[in-house]
Amino acid sequence: MKSSSQIIFDDLIHVAMIDYLYKYTSAENGILLLEHSKLHFNSPLKFNDPFDCHPLLVKITDEYIYNVLSNSEYKYMLNRKGFTKSPLYLNFVKNFSKTQVKEVQSKILPNVKISCFTENKNNMLMWSHHAKDHSGVCFEFDTNAMVIYLGIQTKTTNLSNYLFLRTIYDSKCKNYIFQSSEDSSSLLMWLKTKSIEWEYENEIRLVSLKWDENLLSIPQNVISRLYSGAQISKEHEEKIVKICKTNFPETGIYKMSLSDHEFQLIEKQL
């Protein structure tokens, strides 16, 4: 497995090569973002994928157990030849591992804050699943402006309070092996792995390392365009356009509509 710094560096380089990232959301959430100029972060515990950051993806090693156990008698037993293969030990490890995995999950996940984006512009499924059946909006974020504003560094030795993670997709539940509670490489892989069923999302995750933060203030130049859905209500659209012109005057405003000839969406500037 790559080191944590290499994982962060590789994912940041990937994001830096993308001009724009997109966030699909409901009209109500879009209005809140525009009114307060704040980006919302969520806990993985509230994500719509039950396998997201699930304990099934975590495996505790003997080394982890050895490091956690402070009782000298336990350590003496662990060092005895053949003890780690005994039924007594194997049963203990099974139960202990379950406890530790739950502890890792309960201690880390409530404090991890993530805001999800996609590389997909004008994606029919994203509009349906994340923008309330095309009744919501899609924000286009200027990637370069975001990286500069957040102070994210390309040097692995100089990290900011935020990092981008490129989601990876797999058909099987891989075990990310935790050597210790400080195993940041396994933690990052745990945070960025999803079922292959979600591959259409082409997701990029912005992770906040400021664990007490749910909202991030954003400047005007970060949002380059706003797209309203093909099925958005007139009331929501009028309100969104008005707020956007006031708070984000440089942001281009577009409306999506259904093509008359193909199963596609067409954008038109308002």
Protein backbone atom coordinates (compact mmCIF):
# COMPACT_ATOMS: atom_id res chain seq x y z
CA MET A 1 0.00 0.00 0.00
CA LYS A 2 1.14 3.55 -0.72
CA SER A 3 2.11 5.84 2.13
CA SER A 4 -0.54 8.31 3.28
CA SER A 5 1.44 11.25 1.89
CA GLN A 6 1.70 9.55 -1.51
CA ILE A 7 -2.05 8.81 -1.57
CA ILE A 8 -2.81 12.46 -0.80
CA PHE A 9 -0.27 13.71 -3.34
CA ASP A 10 -1.48 11.45 -6.17
CA ASP A 11 -5.13 12.36 -5.60
CA LEU A 12 -4.33 16.07 -5.45
CA ILE A 13 -2.40 15.90 -8.73
CA HIS A 14 -5.41 14.19 -10.33
CA VAL A 15 -7.74 16.92 -9.08
CA ALA A 16 -5.33 19.68 -10.12
CA MET A 17 -5.55 18.41 -13.72
CA ILE A 18 -9.35 18.82 -13.72
CA ASP A 19 -10.68 22.26 -14.63
CA TYR A 20 -13.99 21.92 -12.81
CA LEU A 21 -15.73 19.83 -10.17
CA TYR A 22 -19.51 19.56 -9.90
CA LYS A 23 -21.91 19.28 -6.98
CA TYR A 24 -25.50 18.18 -7.61
CA THR A 25 -27.97 18.99 -4.85
CA SER A 26 -31.59 19.84 -4.09
CA ALA A 27 -32.96 23.32 -4.75
CA GLU A 28 -33.36 23.86 -1.00
CA ASN A 29 -29.71 23.05 -0.28
CA GLY A 30 -28.65 25.11 -3.27
CA ILE A 31 -30.46 28.13 -1.88
CA LEU A 32 -28.75 27.69 1.50
CA LEU A 33 -25.34 27.52 -0.15
CA LEU A 34 -25.98 30.69 -2.16
CA GLU A 35 -27.55 32.62 0.73
CA HIS A 36 -24.78 31.92 3.23
CA SER A 37 -21.84 31.35 0.84
CA LYS A 38 -21.01 28.20 2.75
CA LEU A 39 -20.19 24.68 1.60
CA HIS A 40 -21.72 21.91 3.72
CA PHE A 41 -19.71 18.93 4.98
CA ASN A 42 -21.27 15.69 6.18
CA SER A 43 -20.26 12.65 8.21
CA PRO A 44 -19.87 9.32 6.35
CA LEU A 45 -22.32 7.93 8.90
CA LYS A 46 -25.04 9.93 7.13
CA PHE A 47 -24.16 8.90 3.57
CA ASN A 48 -26.72 7.06 1.44
CA ASP A 49 -24.44 4.05 0.86
CA PRO A 50 -24.60 1.61 3.83
CA PHE A 51 -21.22 0.16 2.83
CA ASP A 52 -19.52 3.57 2.92
CA CYS A 53 -16.76 3.34 5.56
CA HIS A 54 -18.25 0.05 6.79
CA PRO A 55 -16.37 -2.12 9.36
CA LEU A 56 -16.27 -4.90 6.74
CA LEU A 57 -13.45 -2.95 5.08
CA VAL A 58 -11.30 -2.93 8.21
CA LYS A 59 -8.98 -5.66 9.46
CA ILE A 60 -7.01 -5.52 12.70
CA THR A 61 -3.55 -7.15 12.69
CA ASP A 62 -1.76 -9.07 15.43
CA GLU A 63 0.67 -6.16 15.65
CA TYR A 64 -2.21 -3.77 16.28
CA ILE A 65 -3.53 -6.03 19.05
CA TYR A 66 -0.07 -6.36 20.55
CA ASN A 67 0.34 -2.58 20.62
CA VAL A 68 -3.09 -1.99 22.15
CA LEU A 69 -2.70 -4.51 24.94
CA SER A 70 -0.81 -2.84 27.77
CA ASN A 71 -1.19 -5.70 30.25
CA SER A 72 2.22 -7.35 30.58
CA GLU A 73 0.66 -10.81 31.11
CA TYR A 74 -1.10 -10.59 27.75
CA LYS A 75 2.14 -9.60 26.06
CA TYR A 76 3.94 -12.45 27.77
CA MET A 77 1.34 -14.90 26.43
CA LEU A 78 1.53 -13.40 22.94
CA ASN A 79 5.27 -14.00 22.88
CA ARG A 80 4.96 -17.66 23.83
CA LYS A 81 5.68 -20.03 20.97
CA GLY A 82 2.52 -21.46 19.37
CA PHE A 83 0.13 -19.42 21.51
CA THR A 84 -1.10 -17.28 18.60
CA LYS A 85 -2.32 -20.43 16.84
CA SER A 86 -4.27 -21.80 19.80
CA PRO A 87 -8.12 -21.85 19.80
CA LEU A 88 -8.10 -19.66 22.91
CA TYR A 89 -6.12 -16.94 21.18
CA LEU A 90 -7.98 -17.16 17.87
CA ASN A 91 -11.34 -16.78 19.63
CA PHE A 92 -9.96 -13.88 21.64
CA VAL A 93 -8.67 -12.16 18.48
CA LYS A 94 -12.03 -12.58 16.73
CA ASN A 95 -13.93 -10.88 19.56
CA PHE A 96 -11.23 -8.31 20.27
CA SER A 97 -11.00 -7.32 16.59
CA LYS A 98 -14.74 -6.71 16.39
CA THR A 99 -14.52 -4.46 19.44
CA GLN A 100 -11.55 -2.52 18.06
CA VAL A 101 -13.12 -2.07 14.63
CA LYS A 102 -16.27 -0.66 16.23
CA GLU A 103 -14.09 1.63 18.34
CA VAL A 104 -12.23 2.86 15.26
CA GLN A 105 -15.55 3.50 13.55
CA SER A 106 -17.18 5.24 16.52
CA LYS A 107 -14.16 7.44 17.29
CA ILE A 108 -13.19 8.45 13.76
CA LEU A 109 -16.29 8.61 11.56
CA PRO A 110 -18.35 11.09 13.63
CA ASN A 111 -15.41 13.50 13.39
CA VAL A 112 -14.63 13.03 9.69
CA LYS A 113 -16.24 15.74 7.55
CA ILE A 114 -16.63 15.21 3.79
CA SER A 115 -18.13 17.22 0.95
CA CYS A 116 -18.70 15.21 -2.23
CA PHE A 117 -18.13 16.34 -5.81
CA THR A 118 -18.06 14.68 -9.19
CA GLU A 119 -16.08 15.07 -12.39
CA ASN A 120 -19.30 14.47 -14.34
CA LYS A 121 -20.89 17.47 -15.97
CA ASN A 122 -24.47 17.15 -17.18
CA ASN A 123 -24.93 13.56 -16.02
CA MET A 124 -28.48 12.21 -16.26
CA LEU A 125 -28.13 9.83 -13.29
CA MET A 126 -26.52 12.45 -11.08
CA TRP A 127 -29.39 14.82 -11.81
CA SER A 128 -31.88 12.09 -10.90
CA HIS A 129 -30.19 10.71 -7.77
CA HIS A 130 -28.59 13.79 -6.23
CA ALA A 131 -30.61 16.74 -7.55
CA LYS A 132 -34.05 15.45 -6.59
CA ASP A 133 -35.19 14.10 -9.95
CA HIS A 134 -33.87 17.08 -11.93
CA SER A 135 -35.70 19.56 -9.67
CA GLY A 136 -32.48 20.72 -8.00
CA VAL A 137 -29.30 22.44 -9.11
CA CYS A 138 -25.72 21.69 -10.06
CA PHE A 139 -22.81 23.92 -9.05
CA GLU A 140 -19.66 24.12 -11.15
CA PHE A 141 -16.61 24.74 -8.95
CA ASP A 142 -13.36 26.13 -10.32
CA THR A 143 -10.85 23.52 -9.15
CA ASN A 144 -7.81 25.77 -9.30
CA ALA A 145 -9.57 28.50 -7.33
CA MET A 146 -10.59 25.93 -4.70
CA VAL A 147 -7.07 24.54 -4.30
CA ILE A 148 -5.62 28.04 -3.92
CA TYR A 149 -8.34 29.20 -1.51
CA LEU A 150 -8.06 26.12 0.69
CA GLY A 151 -4.27 26.39 0.74
CA ILE A 152 -3.82 22.80 -0.36
CA GLN A 153 -0.17 22.15 -1.15
CA THR A 154 1.27 19.84 -3.80
CA LYS A 155 4.23 19.14 -1.54
CA THR A 156 3.65 16.05 0.57
CA THR A 157 5.46 17.64 3.52
CA ASN A 158 3.21 20.69 3.69
CA LEU A 159 -0.43 19.73 4.20
CA SER A 160 -3.35 22.10 4.82
CA ASN A 161 -6.55 21.56 6.80
CA TYR A 162 -8.16 20.02 3.73
CA LEU A 163 -7.39 17.25 1.29
CA PHE A 164 -8.95 15.85 -1.86
CA LEU A 165 -9.52 12.09 -2.15
CA ARG A 166 -10.36 10.39 -5.42
CA THR A 167 -12.94 7.67 -4.74
CA ILE A 168 -12.02 4.18 -5.92
CA TYR A 169 -14.59 1.51 -6.75
CA ASP A 170 -14.41 -2.23 -6.18
CA SER A 171 -16.71 -5.20 -6.67
CA LYS A 172 -15.53 -6.83 -3.43
CA CYS A 173 -15.11 -5.68 0.16
CA LYS A 174 -11.36 -5.38 0.51
CA ASN A 175 -9.86 -5.46 3.98
CA TYR A 176 -7.70 -2.45 4.74
CA ILE A 177 -5.27 -3.68 7.34
CA PHE A 178 -4.75 -1.41 10.33
CA GLN A 179 -1.33 -1.95 11.89
CA SER A 180 -2.14 0.60 14.60
CA SER A 181 -4.69 3.26 15.50
CA GLU A 182 -2.35 5.75 13.79
CA ASP A 183 -2.38 3.91 10.45
CA SER A 184 -3.29 6.87 8.25
CA SER A 185 -2.74 5.02 4.94
CA SER A 186 -5.42 2.44 5.73
CA LEU A 187 -7.68 5.16 7.08
CA LEU A 188 -7.48 7.12 3.82
CA MET A 189 -8.19 4.02 1.73
CA TRP A 190 -11.12 3.23 4.00
CA LEU A 191 -12.53 6.73 3.43
CA LYS A 192 -12.20 6.58 -0.36
CA THR A 193 -13.45 3.08 -1.23
CA LYS A 194 -16.98 2.38 -2.48
CA SER A 195 -18.88 -0.38 -4.26
CA ILE A 196 -18.50 -0.53 -8.03
CA GLU A 197 -22.26 0.11 -8.24
CA TRP A 198 -21.45 3.77 -7.58
CA GLU A 199 -18.80 4.08 -10.26
CA TYR A 200 -21.04 6.30 -12.39
CA GLU A 201 -20.58 9.06 -9.78
CA ASN A 202 -16.87 9.49 -10.59
CA GLU A 203 -16.60 11.03 -7.15
CA ILE A 204 -14.02 13.36 -5.64
CA ARG A 205 -14.18 13.89 -1.88
CA LEU A 206 -13.06 17.02 -0.10
CA VAL A 207 -12.13 16.03 3.45
CA SER A 208 -11.92 18.58 6.23
CA LEU A 209 -9.25 17.89 8.85
CA LYS A 210 -10.86 20.53 11.06
CA TRP A 211 -13.04 17.96 12.79
CA ASP A 212 -15.38 20.46 14.42
CA GLU A 213 -16.32 22.08 11.11
CA ASN A 214 -19.53 21.37 9.17
CA LEU A 215 -19.57 24.52 7.05
CA LEU A 216 -16.87 26.19 4.98
CA SER A 217 -17.13 29.80 3.81
CA ILE A 218 -16.38 30.10 0.09
CA PRO A 219 -15.43 33.17 -1.99
CA GLN A 220 -17.27 34.32 -5.12
CA ASN A 221 -14.66 33.10 -7.59
CA VAL A 222 -14.96 29.46 -6.51
CA ILE A 223 -18.35 28.91 -8.18
CA SER A 224 -17.99 29.50 -11.91
CA ARG A 225 -21.41 28.31 -13.07
CA LEU A 226 -24.81 27.35 -11.70
CA TYR A 227 -27.16 24.99 -13.56
CA SER A 228 -30.85 24.71 -12.63
CA GLY A 229 -32.50 21.36 -13.30
CA ALA A 230 -34.91 20.65 -16.13
CA GLN A 231 -37.72 19.97 -13.62
CA ILE A 232 -37.02 22.77 -11.15
CA SER A 233 -40.05 24.71 -9.93
CA LYS A 234 -40.52 28.28 -11.12
CA GLU A 235 -40.50 29.50 -7.50
CA HIS A 236 -37.16 27.84 -6.72
CA GLU A 237 -35.58 28.92 -9.98
CA GLU A 238 -36.54 32.58 -9.54
CA LYS A 239 -35.24 32.60 -5.97
CA ILE A 240 -31.97 30.88 -6.91
CA VAL A 241 -31.31 33.23 -9.84
CA LYS A 242 -31.98 36.30 -7.67
CA ILE A 243 -29.68 35.18 -4.84
CA CYS A 244 -26.96 34.06 -7.21
CA LYS A 245 -26.90 37.41 -9.04
CA THR A 246 -26.62 39.20 -5.70
CA ASN A 247 -24.07 37.03 -3.87
CA PHE A 248 -22.18 35.54 -6.83
CA PRO A 249 -22.45 38.19 -9.59
CA GLU A 250 -19.65 36.67 -11.69
CA THR A 251 -21.22 33.20 -11.75
CA GLY A 252 -22.81 32.13 -15.03
CA ILE A 253 -26.41 30.94 -14.66
CA TYR A 254 -27.75 28.21 -16.93
CA LYS A 255 -30.97 26.23 -17.30
CA MET A 256 -31.11 22.57 -18.34
CA SER A 257 -33.84 21.35 -20.68
CA LEU A 258 -34.69 18.08 -22.42
CA SER A 259 -33.49 17.54 -25.97
CA ASP A 260 -36.19 17.04 -28.60
CA HIS A 261 -34.11 14.51 -30.54
CA GLU A 262 -31.86 12.60 -28.09
CA PHE A 263 -31.85 11.30 -24.53
CA GLN A 264 -29.75 14.26 -23.49
CA LEU A 265 -29.94 17.49 -21.53
CA ILE A 266 -29.30 20.83 -23.18
CA GLU A 267 -27.92 23.84 -21.31
CA LYS A 268 -28.97 27.41 -22.04
CA GLN A 269 -27.61 30.54 -20.41
CA LEU A 270 -30.16 32.69 -18.60
